[in-house]
């Protein structure tokens, strides 16, 4: 039997399935809105990546210049993610989520008419601020509205938007390519213009998704200084450092693998292009498995040990990929599947875990956004580090092993953290108490409001 971390009262064991009984309309609306917001954010990110050739062709620029633009977008996402947390504390989760979606959608639509790469870059950096803020506001909205017994599943379900957004971008790009004969000669403009459609989603969120009552009350009258000081209370320093240490390693691993595993399979293992795509498909099937397993088990068995197991699997899989070489095809198949399962399983749990890690924070949205987005530093540095090492076969292997080391560092950091499952978020009122759990009383913050 599990125990509520703050009240000490027994909580009904959560189901090991995705069945979500007794969840009210408010929580479901928050989950749908956040999932769609992330789906279209990923659509936009993938659309940019697919349009690199078209941008260099139409504007006569180099891949390095486009690469600089994408790096700037990454830093904008980091800044937007932290800043969006502060705005969500002052103006509410729903308003900031709606505005964030509108910002990246408008930036995408306007960039379809850009006369130069510089204009595309400026617009996309502005849109990157909205992308970063979307994660923070959406995560806070979901964790504020879902009961503790189902919070892990809700966070995992919301991650469906990530693979669906990628698939939507790829299929849309294929349709645009067939229409235009390619994404160059203007095809990318059509793809970017379609990225403005989430403006409709932004309007829906603003008009139809309710703001959690306690966050609306808490946001009233908060100054920027009060919000920032709330981030650095005495109780928050250790969780902030733990969250950053875990997520910077996870982000490093993810972007090292996403950026260089396809090239490694081609150049080092000697797989032909068709066969390497088959292995990458297995990696994505592993990602689906990791997402499913974590979502099904986390609310019953906890976050901590699942994170540790998945980090171990992720690190070990890269070691196996490096050791397998050209002849160990079956081992390589298993390892690529495991790499996808490990890292995707971790990301499916980050939403609930960051909220529960910061459960004492009076500015939890800002704390979640700060931890998650500072963790992006790992992702920003990984391609540069692995790329600088991958000058030969030995260097390429060392680069992938650095990602394995990052996974093990994350495992070690997670070992220092407490189990957070079923933690009551101290500035929320659980409107879905479990069978043996009494509804919580308002916190001092709510009483003052």
Protein backbone atom coordinates (compact mmCIF):
# COMPACT_ATOMS: atom_id res chain seq x y z
CA UNK A 1 0.00 0.00 0.00
CA UNK A 2 1.32 3.44 -0.89
CA UNK A 3 1.22 6.43 1.38
CA UNK A 4 0.57 10.06 0.59
CA UNK A 5 3.87 11.87 1.14
CA UNK A 6 2.46 14.89 2.88
CA UNK A 7 -0.61 13.74 4.72
CA UNK A 8 0.58 10.27 5.67
CA UNK A 9 -2.80 8.79 4.77
CA UNK A 10 -2.98 5.59 2.73
CA UNK A 11 -3.68 6.04 -0.97
CA UNK A 12 -5.49 3.50 -3.10
CA UNK A 13 -3.00 1.64 -5.31
CA UNK A 14 -3.04 2.97 -8.85
CA UNK A 15 -3.85 0.68 -11.73
CA UNK A 16 -1.10 -0.68 -13.99
CA UNK A 17 -3.15 0.24 -17.05
CA UNK A 18 -4.11 3.41 -18.87
CA UNK A 19 -7.70 3.25 -17.56
CA UNK A 20 -8.62 6.69 -16.24
CA UNK A 21 -11.85 6.40 -14.27
CA UNK A 22 -13.37 9.29 -12.39
CA UNK A 23 -11.39 12.01 -14.14
CA UNK A 24 -13.41 15.19 -14.58
CA UNK A 25 -13.83 17.24 -17.74
CA UNK A 26 -11.51 19.98 -16.53
CA UNK A 27 -8.57 17.58 -16.25
CA UNK A 28 -9.31 15.93 -19.60
CA UNK A 29 -9.47 19.31 -21.34
CA UNK A 30 -6.12 20.27 -19.86
CA UNK A 31 -4.55 17.00 -21.07
CA UNK A 32 -5.95 17.29 -24.60
CA UNK A 33 -4.90 20.93 -24.90
CA UNK A 34 -1.36 20.24 -23.70
CA UNK A 35 -0.92 17.15 -25.88
CA UNK A 36 -2.02 19.04 -29.00
CA UNK A 37 0.15 22.04 -28.11
CA UNK A 38 3.22 19.79 -27.88
CA UNK A 39 2.21 17.90 -31.04
CA UNK A 40 2.22 21.06 -33.13
CA UNK A 41 5.37 22.33 -31.45
CA UNK A 42 7.19 19.17 -32.55
CA UNK A 43 5.60 19.52 -36.00
CA UNK A 44 7.24 22.94 -36.24
CA UNK A 45 10.64 21.68 -35.07
CA UNK A 46 10.66 18.79 -37.54
CA UNK A 47 9.39 21.05 -40.32
CA UNK A 48 12.44 23.28 -39.83
CA UNK A 49 14.79 20.28 -39.94
CA UNK A 50 13.14 18.94 -43.11
CA UNK A 51 13.41 22.36 -44.77
CA UNK A 52 17.18 22.84 -44.35
CA UNK A 53 17.93 21.80 -47.92
CA UNK A 54 15.20 24.06 -49.28
CA UNK A 55 16.43 27.05 -47.26
CA UNK A 56 20.03 26.62 -48.42
CA UNK A 57 18.88 26.13 -52.02
CA UNK A 58 16.49 29.07 -52.22
CA UNK A 59 18.60 31.59 -50.28
CA UNK A 60 22.02 30.41 -51.46
CA UNK A 61 23.26 29.96 -47.90
CA UNK A 62 25.37 27.26 -46.26
CA UNK A 63 24.34 24.48 -43.93
CA UNK A 64 26.53 26.10 -41.28
CA UNK A 65 24.41 29.26 -41.42
CA UNK A 66 21.23 27.24 -41.08
CA UNK A 67 22.88 25.30 -38.26
CA UNK A 68 23.60 28.56 -36.44
CA UNK A 69 19.92 29.47 -36.80
CA UNK A 70 18.79 26.16 -35.31
CA UNK A 71 21.23 26.59 -32.40
CA UNK A 72 19.77 30.06 -31.77
CA UNK A 73 16.29 28.51 -31.78
CA UNK A 74 17.46 26.01 -29.16
CA UNK A 75 18.69 28.78 -26.87
CA UNK A 76 15.42 30.65 -27.41
CA UNK A 77 13.52 27.55 -26.28
CA UNK A 78 15.65 27.46 -23.12
CA UNK A 79 14.96 31.12 -22.34
CA UNK A 80 11.28 30.79 -23.24
CA UNK A 81 10.86 27.72 -21.07
CA UNK A 82 12.18 29.47 -17.97
CA UNK A 83 10.51 32.80 -18.71
CA UNK A 84 7.24 31.04 -19.48
CA UNK A 85 7.28 29.53 -16.01
CA UNK A 86 7.48 32.99 -14.47
CA UNK A 87 4.67 34.24 -16.69
CA UNK A 88 2.52 31.22 -15.81
CA UNK A 89 2.90 32.15 -12.13
CA UNK A 90 1.79 35.74 -12.77
CA UNK A 91 -0.90 35.27 -15.42
CA UNK A 92 -2.01 31.65 -15.15
CA UNK A 93 -1.23 28.40 -16.98
CA UNK A 94 -3.99 28.58 -19.60
CA UNK A 95 -3.31 32.13 -20.71
CA UNK A 96 0.42 31.48 -21.11
CA UNK A 97 -0.11 28.15 -22.90
CA UNK A 98 -2.50 29.82 -25.34
CA UNK A 99 -0.13 32.71 -25.94
CA UNK A 100 2.84 30.37 -26.41
CA UNK A 101 1.05 28.32 -29.05
CA UNK A 102 -0.05 31.51 -30.81
CA UNK A 103 3.54 32.81 -30.78
CA UNK A 104 5.18 29.80 -32.42
CA UNK A 105 2.28 29.36 -34.88
CA UNK A 106 2.38 33.02 -35.96
CA UNK A 107 6.18 32.86 -36.32
CA UNK A 108 5.86 29.80 -38.55
CA UNK A 109 3.19 31.37 -40.75
CA UNK A 110 5.06 34.66 -41.14
CA UNK A 111 8.34 32.91 -41.96
CA UNK A 112 6.65 31.43 -45.04
CA UNK A 113 6.86 34.94 -46.56
CA UNK A 114 10.41 35.73 -45.44
CA UNK A 115 12.66 37.32 -48.10
CA UNK A 116 15.91 36.03 -46.57
CA UNK A 117 17.35 33.48 -44.19
CA UNK A 118 18.01 36.26 -41.68
CA UNK A 119 14.31 37.08 -41.51
CA UNK A 120 13.45 33.38 -41.19
CA UNK A 121 15.98 33.16 -38.36
CA UNK A 122 14.59 36.13 -36.45
CA UNK A 123 11.03 34.87 -36.74
CA UNK A 124 12.01 31.35 -35.77
CA UNK A 125 13.95 32.54 -32.72
CA UNK A 126 10.85 34.45 -31.59
CA UNK A 127 8.82 31.31 -32.20
CA UNK A 128 11.37 29.35 -30.17
CA UNK A 129 10.46 31.42 -27.13
CA UNK A 130 6.89 30.19 -27.53
CA UNK A 131 8.02 26.59 -28.03
CA UNK A 132 9.96 26.59 -24.77
CA UNK A 133 7.13 28.22 -22.87
CA UNK A 134 4.64 25.68 -24.23
CA UNK A 135 6.30 22.82 -22.36
CA UNK A 136 6.40 24.70 -19.06
CA UNK A 137 2.85 26.03 -19.10
CA UNK A 138 1.40 22.76 -20.40
CA UNK A 139 3.24 20.61 -17.86
CA UNK A 140 2.10 22.81 -14.99
CA UNK A 141 -1.49 22.77 -16.27
CA UNK A 142 -1.61 18.96 -16.47
CA UNK A 143 -0.01 18.35 -13.08
CA UNK A 144 -2.22 21.00 -11.43
CA UNK A 145 -5.45 19.45 -12.69
CA UNK A 146 -4.80 15.69 -12.46
CA UNK A 147 -5.05 13.76 -9.18
CA UNK A 148 -1.90 12.31 -7.64
CA UNK A 149 -3.03 8.72 -8.27
CA UNK A 150 -3.07 9.27 -12.06
CA UNK A 151 -0.53 12.05 -12.50
CA UNK A 152 2.18 9.79 -13.91
CA UNK A 153 -0.14 8.30 -16.53
CA UNK A 154 -1.38 11.75 -17.53
CA UNK A 155 2.18 12.98 -18.00
CA UNK A 156 3.02 9.92 -20.09
CA UNK A 157 -0.11 10.25 -22.23
CA UNK A 158 0.71 13.89 -22.95
CA UNK A 159 3.98 12.75 -24.51
CA UNK A 160 2.03 11.09 -27.33
CA UNK A 161 2.14 14.50 -28.95
CA UNK A 162 5.88 14.13 -29.52
CA UNK A 163 5.95 11.10 -31.88
CA UNK A 164 2.63 12.10 -33.45
CA UNK A 165 3.98 15.56 -34.20
CA UNK A 166 7.03 14.05 -35.89
CA UNK A 167 4.92 11.71 -37.99
CA UNK A 168 2.52 14.52 -38.93
CA UNK A 169 5.40 16.72 -40.08
CA UNK A 170 6.95 13.93 -42.15
CA UNK A 171 3.69 12.97 -43.85
CA UNK A 172 2.79 16.63 -44.47
CA UNK A 173 6.24 17.25 -45.94
CA UNK A 174 5.76 14.23 -48.20
CA UNK A 175 2.44 15.63 -49.45
CA UNK A 176 3.97 19.08 -50.02
CA UNK A 177 6.90 17.48 -51.84
CA UNK A 178 4.53 15.67 -54.18
CA UNK A 179 2.63 18.92 -54.78
CA UNK A 180 5.69 21.11 -55.40
CA UNK A 181 8.16 18.54 -56.63
CA UNK A 182 10.31 19.09 -53.52
CA UNK A 183 10.68 21.34 -50.50
CA UNK A 184 13.11 23.57 -52.36
CA UNK A 185 11.86 26.08 -54.93
CA UNK A 186 9.25 27.26 -52.44
CA UNK A 187 7.91 23.98 -51.07
CA UNK A 188 9.21 24.81 -47.60
CA UNK A 189 7.10 27.98 -47.65
CA UNK A 190 3.93 25.92 -47.93
CA UNK A 191 5.08 23.71 -45.05
CA UNK A 192 5.79 26.76 -42.87
CA UNK A 193 2.45 28.33 -43.78
CA UNK A 194 0.64 25.20 -42.61
CA UNK A 195 2.45 25.68 -39.30
CA UNK A 196 0.17 28.67 -38.64
CA UNK A 197 -2.90 26.45 -38.24
CA UNK A 198 -2.31 25.98 -34.47
CA UNK A 199 -3.54 29.57 -34.08
CA UNK A 200 -6.95 27.88 -33.99
CA UNK A 201 -5.75 25.68 -31.14
CA UNK A 202 -4.51 28.75 -29.26
CA UNK A 203 -7.96 30.31 -29.52
CA UNK A 204 -9.62 27.10 -28.32
CA UNK A 205 -7.32 26.87 -25.29
CA UNK A 206 -7.94 30.50 -24.34
CA UNK A 207 -11.73 30.29 -24.71
CA UNK A 208 -12.60 26.74 -23.62
CA UNK A 209 -9.94 25.38 -21.24
CA UNK A 210 -10.52 26.51 -17.64
CA UNK A 211 -7.71 27.83 -15.48
CA UNK A 212 -7.20 25.80 -12.27
CA UNK A 213 -8.88 27.81 -9.52
CA UNK A 214 -5.96 27.83 -7.12
CA UNK A 215 -3.46 29.06 -9.74
CA UNK A 216 -5.81 31.84 -10.85
CA UNK A 217 -6.11 33.01 -7.26
CA UNK A 218 -2.40 32.69 -6.53
CA UNK A 219 -1.43 34.60 -9.68
CA UNK A 220 -3.51 37.63 -8.74
CA UNK A 221 -1.30 40.48 -7.58
CA UNK A 222 2.02 38.60 -7.80
CA UNK A 223 4.89 40.87 -8.77
CA UNK A 224 7.87 39.66 -10.80
CA UNK A 225 10.11 40.01 -7.74
CA UNK A 226 7.85 37.79 -5.63
CA UNK A 227 7.83 35.13 -8.35
CA UNK A 228 11.62 35.10 -8.78
CA UNK A 229 12.30 35.03 -5.03
CA UNK A 230 9.91 32.11 -4.69
CA UNK A 231 12.20 30.03 -6.90
CA UNK A 232 15.15 30.25 -4.52
CA UNK A 233 13.58 29.41 -1.19
CA UNK A 234 15.69 27.30 1.15
CA UNK A 235 13.73 24.11 0.48
CA UNK A 236 14.15 24.39 -3.29
CA UNK A 237 17.92 24.52 -3.80
CA UNK A 238 18.53 20.78 -3.42
CA UNK A 239 15.62 19.70 -5.67
CA UNK A 240 16.71 22.25 -8.30
CA UNK A 241 20.23 20.84 -8.35
CA UNK A 242 18.99 17.23 -8.41
CA UNK A 243 16.57 17.93 -11.23
CA UNK A 244 19.20 19.74 -13.26
CA UNK A 245 21.79 17.00 -12.73
CA UNK A 246 19.40 14.30 -13.87
CA UNK A 247 17.95 16.11 -16.87
CA UNK A 248 21.20 17.52 -18.26
CA UNK A 249 22.50 13.94 -18.58
CA UNK A 250 19.25 12.67 -20.09
CA UNK A 251 19.18 15.55 -22.59
CA UNK A 252 22.82 14.97 -23.55
CA UNK A 253 22.10 11.30 -24.20
CA UNK A 254 18.96 12.01 -26.26
CA UNK A 255 20.54 14.55 -28.60
CA UNK A 256 23.79 12.62 -28.99
CA UNK A 257 21.85 9.56 -30.12
CA UNK A 258 19.32 11.49 -32.22
CA UNK A 259 22.06 13.46 -33.98
CA UNK A 260 24.67 10.76 -34.61
CA UNK A 261 23.31 7.22 -34.31
CA UNK A 262 22.01 7.21 -37.92
CA UNK A 263 25.43 8.28 -39.20
CA UNK A 264 27.20 5.80 -36.89
CA UNK A 265 25.16 2.92 -38.28
CA UNK A 266 26.11 3.92 -41.83
CA UNK A 267 29.76 4.85 -41.42
CA UNK A 268 31.05 2.68 -38.57
CA UNK A 269 28.93 -0.48 -38.64
CA UNK A 270 28.82 -0.43 -42.44
CA UNK A 271 25.08 -0.93 -42.74
CA UNK A 272 23.59 0.04 -46.11
CA UNK A 273 21.07 2.91 -46.00
CA UNK A 274 18.02 0.67 -46.25
CA UNK A 275 19.22 -1.62 -43.48
CA UNK A 276 20.18 1.29 -41.21
CA UNK A 277 16.67 2.71 -41.54
CA UNK A 278 15.34 -0.68 -40.44
CA UNK A 279 17.44 -0.45 -37.26
CA UNK A 280 16.26 3.11 -36.65
CA UNK A 281 12.68 1.89 -37.01
CA UNK A 282 13.40 -0.64 -34.27
CA UNK A 283 14.69 2.21 -32.15
CA UNK A 284 11.34 4.01 -32.57
CA UNK A 285 9.45 0.83 -31.70
CA UNK A 286 11.58 0.70 -28.57
CA UNK A 287 10.55 4.28 -27.84
CA UNK A 288 6.88 3.26 -28.01
CA UNK A 289 7.62 0.36 -25.66
CA UNK A 290 9.40 2.61 -23.16
CA UNK A 291 6.55 5.10 -23.19
CA UNK A 292 3.97 2.33 -22.68
CA UNK A 293 5.80 0.55 -19.89
CA UNK A 294 6.52 3.69 -17.90
CA UNK A 295 3.00 5.04 -18.30
CA UNK A 296 1.44 1.74 -17.23
CA UNK A 297 3.66 1.13 -14.21
CA UNK A 298 4.69 4.48 -12.80
CA UNK A 299 1.60 5.32 -10.72
CA UNK A 300 1.69 1.92 -9.03
CA UNK A 301 5.39 1.13 -8.76
CA UNK A 302 6.88 4.63 -8.49
CA UNK A 303 9.10 6.96 -10.51
CA UNK A 304 12.55 6.55 -8.99
CA UNK A 305 13.36 2.91 -9.65
CA UNK A 306 11.80 3.01 -13.13
CA UNK A 307 13.98 6.01 -14.00
CA UNK A 308 17.06 4.20 -12.68
CA UNK A 309 16.33 1.01 -14.61
CA UNK A 310 15.65 2.94 -17.82
CA UNK A 311 18.83 5.03 -17.45
CA UNK A 312 20.83 1.83 -16.95
CA UNK A 313 19.22 0.25 -20.02
CA UNK A 314 19.91 3.40 -22.07
CA UNK A 315 23.59 3.52 -21.09
CA UNK A 316 24.16 -0.22 -21.51
CA UNK A 317 22.52 -0.18 -24.95
CA UNK A 318 25.08 2.30 -26.31
CA UNK A 319 27.94 0.23 -24.95
CA UNK A 320 26.45 -2.78 -26.71
CA UNK A 321 26.10 -0.82 -29.97
CA UNK A 322 29.79 0.14 -29.81
CA UNK A 323 30.94 -3.40 -28.94
CA UNK A 324 28.67 -5.18 -31.44
CA UNK A 325 30.43 -3.82 -34.50
CA UNK A 326 29.67 -5.00 -38.01
CA UNK A 327 29.15 -8.69 -37.23
CA UNK A 328 26.83 -8.52 -34.24
CA UNK A 329 23.68 -7.65 -36.15
CA UNK A 330 21.27 -9.27 -33.70
CA UNK A 331 22.97 -7.60 -30.74
CA UNK A 332 22.78 -4.32 -32.64
CA UNK A 333 19.06 -4.82 -33.22
CA UNK A 334 18.43 -5.45 -29.53
CA UNK A 335 20.60 -2.49 -28.51
CA UNK A 336 18.90 0.03 -30.79
CA UNK A 337 15.50 -1.08 -29.47
CA UNK A 338 16.76 -0.72 -25.90
CA UNK A 339 18.22 2.73 -26.58
CA UNK A 340 14.82 3.95 -27.75
CA UNK A 341 12.99 2.31 -24.84
CA UNK A 342 15.33 3.72 -22.21
CA UNK A 343 15.36 7.36 -23.15
CA UNK A 344 11.72 7.62 -24.23
CA UNK A 345 10.55 5.93 -21.07
CA UNK A 346 12.42 8.55 -19.06
CA UNK A 347 10.97 11.48 -20.98
CA UNK A 348 7.45 10.11 -20.57
CA UNK A 349 7.83 10.50 -16.82
CA UNK A 350 9.49 13.90 -16.64
CA UNK A 351 6.26 15.93 -16.49
CA UNK A 352 4.94 14.30 -13.31
CA UNK A 353 8.38 13.92 -11.72
CA UNK A 354 9.44 17.56 -12.06
CA UNK A 355 6.15 18.72 -10.51
CA UNK A 356 6.49 16.30 -7.61
CA UNK A 357 10.16 17.11 -7.08
CA UNK A 358 9.16 20.78 -6.69
CA UNK A 359 6.01 20.02 -4.68
CA UNK A 360 6.91 22.53 -1.93
CA UNK A 361 7.64 25.38 -4.33
CA UNK A 362 5.29 28.39 -4.17
CA UNK A 363 6.15 28.98 -7.87
CA UNK A 364 6.09 25.43 -9.15
CA UNK A 365 5.60 26.26 -12.84
CA UNK A 366 8.72 28.44 -12.76
CA UNK A 367 10.65 25.75 -10.86
CA UNK A 368 9.60 23.05 -13.35
CA UNK A 369 10.49 25.25 -16.31
CA UNK A 370 13.86 26.16 -14.83
CA UNK A 371 14.89 22.57 -14.13
CA UNK A 372 13.70 21.16 -17.44
CA UNK A 373 15.06 23.93 -19.61
CA UNK A 374 18.44 24.21 -17.90
CA UNK A 375 18.64 20.50 -18.64
CA UNK A 376 18.51 21.46 -22.33
CA UNK A 377 22.13 22.58 -21.92
CA UNK A 378 23.06 18.91 -22.21
CA UNK A 379 21.22 18.70 -25.51
CA UNK A 380 22.82 21.87 -26.83
CA UNK A 381 26.34 20.66 -26.08
CA UNK A 382 26.00 16.98 -27.07
CA UNK A 383 26.08 17.42 -30.89
CA UNK A 384 29.14 19.66 -30.68
CA UNK A 385 31.03 17.29 -28.37
CA UNK A 386 30.17 14.09 -30.22
CA UNK A 387 30.72 15.77 -33.59
CA UNK A 388 34.18 16.98 -32.59
CA UNK A 389 35.13 13.46 -31.47
CA UNK A 390 33.70 11.67 -34.54
CA UNK A 391 36.65 12.37 -36.83
CA UNK A 392 37.45 8.64 -37.09
CA UNK A 393 36.03 5.32 -35.95
CA UNK A 394 37.67 5.42 -32.50
CA UNK A 395 36.50 8.98 -31.96
CA UNK A 396 32.98 8.15 -33.09
CA UNK A 397 32.81 5.30 -30.58
CA UNK A 398 34.15 7.59 -27.86
CA UNK A 399 31.40 10.09 -28.68
CA UNK A 400 28.66 7.50 -28.24
CA UNK A 401 30.29 6.23 -25.06
CA UNK A 402 30.19 9.78 -23.69
CA UNK A 403 26.40 9.59 -24.06
CA UNK A 404 26.40 6.26 -22.21
CA UNK A 405 28.39 7.93 -19.43
CA UNK A 406 25.81 10.73 -19.30
CA UNK A 407 23.05 8.13 -18.78
CA UNK A 408 24.96 6.58 -15.89
CA UNK A 409 25.52 10.01 -14.35
CA UNK A 410 21.76 10.59 -14.51
CA UNK A 411 21.25 7.22 -12.83
CA UNK A 412 23.60 8.21 -10.01
CA UNK A 413 21.83 11.53 -9.51
CA UNK A 414 18.43 9.82 -9.45
CA UNK A 415 19.70 7.53 -6.70
CA UNK A 416 20.05 10.60 -4.45
CA UNK A 417 16.46 11.76 -4.95
CA UNK A 418 13.38 10.66 -2.97
CA UNK A 419 10.50 8.67 -4.42
CA UNK A 420 7.90 11.24 -5.49
CA UNK A 421 4.93 9.09 -6.51
CA UNK A 422 1.58 10.34 -5.10
CA UNK A 423 3.12 13.46 -3.63
CA UNK A 424 0.49 16.08 -2.97
CA UNK A 425 1.35 19.38 -4.60
CA UNK A 426 1.12 21.79 -1.72
CA UNK A 427 -0.65 24.66 -3.48
CA UNK A 428 -3.35 22.49 -5.06
CA UNK A 429 -6.61 21.01 -3.82
CA UNK A 430 -7.08 17.42 -4.98
CA UNK A 431 -10.57 17.27 -6.39
CA UNK A 432 -10.21 13.53 -6.97
CA UNK A 433 -9.34 12.09 -3.52
CA UNK A 434 -8.69 8.37 -3.43
CA UNK A 435 -10.94 6.03 -1.49
CA UNK A 436 -9.00 6.23 1.77
CA UNK A 437 -7.74 9.80 1.42
CA UNK A 438 -9.41 12.95 2.67
CA UNK A 439 -9.40 16.05 0.47
CA UNK A 440 -6.56 18.37 1.39
CA UNK A 441 -7.15 21.64 3.16
CA UNK A 442 -6.16 24.91 1.51
CA UNK A 443 -2.53 25.90 1.90
CA UNK A 444 -1.55 29.24 3.43
CA UNK A 445 -1.08 30.59 -0.08
CA UNK A 446 -4.70 29.74 -0.93
CA UNK A 447 -6.00 31.13 2.35
CA UNK A 448 -4.27 34.45 1.70
CA UNK A 449 -5.79 34.56 -1.76
